[in-house]
């Protein structure tokens, strides 16, 4: 099952780029649950970016994971304005996610 949601911060600047975040999870597996919660927290704590979040449960539909060439869960595919980044794991290391979103001090 694929869950799509759009999160646009009311204070976000119109010129800021939209990031398409595809979170691949394996059901309610503990690391998948942690990854979902971590991504929700990061997105809510950093409203300066526009995020389009899509959560894909590979136990329900594995085809998007194959298309993205993601074989390890959980995984976050970040499609930004100029690059694509894949982060594997439960996203507990917020610094890695912030760097992928080019938020860490705006100089990453």
Protein backbone atom coordinates (compact mmCIF):
# COMPACT_ATOMS: atom_id res chain seq x y z
CA UNK A 1 0.00 0.00 0.00
CA UNK A 2 1.33 3.40 -0.94
CA UNK A 3 0.42 6.35 1.22
CA UNK A 4 0.88 9.78 -0.31
CA UNK A 5 0.76 13.06 1.53
CA UNK A 6 1.87 16.56 0.81
CA UNK A 7 3.29 18.71 3.55
CA UNK A 8 3.70 22.34 2.72
CA UNK A 9 4.67 24.68 5.48
CA UNK A 10 2.57 27.84 5.75
CA UNK A 11 5.77 29.84 6.27
CA UNK A 12 7.69 28.28 3.43
CA UNK A 13 9.05 30.54 0.76
CA UNK A 14 7.58 30.15 -2.69
CA UNK A 15 11.04 29.96 -4.24
CA UNK A 16 12.11 27.05 -2.04
CA UNK A 17 12.42 23.72 -3.77
CA UNK A 18 10.03 20.85 -3.23
CA UNK A 19 11.59 17.60 -2.10
CA UNK A 20 9.97 14.31 -3.04
CA UNK A 21 10.61 11.90 -0.19
CA UNK A 22 9.86 8.23 -0.76
CA UNK A 23 10.11 6.21 2.44
CA UNK A 24 10.27 2.48 1.83
CA UNK A 25 9.24 0.38 4.82
CA UNK A 26 8.54 -3.27 5.57
CA UNK A 27 5.18 -3.35 7.34
CA UNK A 28 5.23 -2.53 11.06
CA UNK A 29 8.77 -3.82 11.55
CA UNK A 30 10.44 -1.85 14.41
CA UNK A 31 13.03 -0.05 12.27
CA UNK A 32 10.31 0.90 9.77
CA UNK A 33 8.19 2.37 12.58
CA UNK A 34 11.19 4.33 13.86
CA UNK A 35 11.93 5.60 10.34
CA UNK A 36 8.34 6.84 9.92
CA UNK A 37 8.41 8.65 13.26
CA UNK A 38 11.87 10.11 12.59
CA UNK A 39 10.84 11.44 9.17
CA UNK A 40 7.64 12.96 10.59
CA UNK A 41 9.65 14.68 13.33
CA UNK A 42 12.31 16.01 10.92
CA UNK A 43 9.73 17.37 8.49
CA UNK A 44 7.74 19.08 11.26
CA UNK A 45 10.87 20.58 12.87
CA UNK A 46 12.11 22.01 9.56
CA UNK A 47 9.18 23.72 7.83
CA UNK A 48 11.54 25.87 5.73
CA UNK A 49 11.39 23.20 3.01
CA UNK A 50 8.42 21.88 1.08
CA UNK A 51 8.10 18.11 1.27
CA UNK A 52 6.02 15.68 -0.71
CA UNK A 53 6.13 12.49 1.35
CA UNK A 54 5.21 9.07 0.02
CA UNK A 55 5.38 6.02 2.27
CA UNK A 56 5.63 2.69 0.48
CA UNK A 57 5.15 -0.59 2.30
CA UNK A 58 7.06 -3.15 0.24
CA UNK A 59 5.09 -5.99 1.82
CA UNK A 60 2.02 -4.54 0.11
CA UNK A 61 3.64 -3.43 -3.17
CA UNK A 62 7.30 -4.10 -3.94
CA UNK A 63 7.36 -2.69 -7.49
CA UNK A 64 8.26 0.92 -6.53
CA UNK A 65 11.26 -0.39 -4.57
CA UNK A 66 12.47 -2.32 -7.60
CA UNK A 67 12.00 0.75 -9.81
CA UNK A 68 14.10 2.82 -7.37
CA UNK A 69 16.61 -0.05 -6.97
CA UNK A 70 16.06 -0.14 -3.21
CA UNK A 71 16.61 -3.57 -1.73
CA UNK A 72 17.11 -2.76 1.96
CA UNK A 73 14.37 -1.45 4.24
CA UNK A 74 13.82 1.06 5.63
CA UNK A 75 15.18 3.41 3.02
CA UNK A 76 14.50 7.05 2.22
CA UNK A 77 14.89 8.25 -1.36
CA UNK A 78 15.27 12.02 -1.49
CA UNK A 79 14.68 13.58 -4.87
CA UNK A 80 15.71 17.21 -4.62
CA UNK A 81 16.09 19.98 -7.13
CA UNK A 82 19.54 18.93 -8.30
CA UNK A 83 20.26 15.50 -6.86
CA UNK A 84 18.95 12.16 -5.72
CA UNK A 85 20.08 10.69 -2.40
CA UNK A 86 19.26 7.39 -0.72
CA UNK A 87 19.54 6.93 3.04
CA UNK A 88 19.29 3.44 4.50
CA UNK A 89 18.26 2.74 8.08
CA UNK A 90 15.79 4.01 10.63
CA UNK A 91 16.63 7.71 10.08
CA UNK A 92 17.51 8.15 13.75
CA UNK A 93 20.63 10.04 12.63
CA UNK A 94 18.82 13.28 11.81
CA UNK A 95 22.02 14.94 10.60
CA UNK A 96 22.22 12.59 7.61
CA UNK A 97 18.63 13.35 6.66
CA UNK A 98 19.14 17.11 7.11
CA UNK A 99 22.25 16.97 4.91
CA UNK A 100 20.29 15.15 2.20
CA UNK A 101 17.64 17.87 2.40
CA UNK A 102 20.39 20.51 2.31
CA UNK A 103 19.24 21.98 5.61
CA UNK A 104 22.26 21.53 7.89
CA UNK A 105 23.38 25.13 8.15
CA UNK A 106 22.37 25.77 4.52
CA UNK A 107 25.97 25.13 3.47
CA UNK A 108 25.76 21.39 2.91
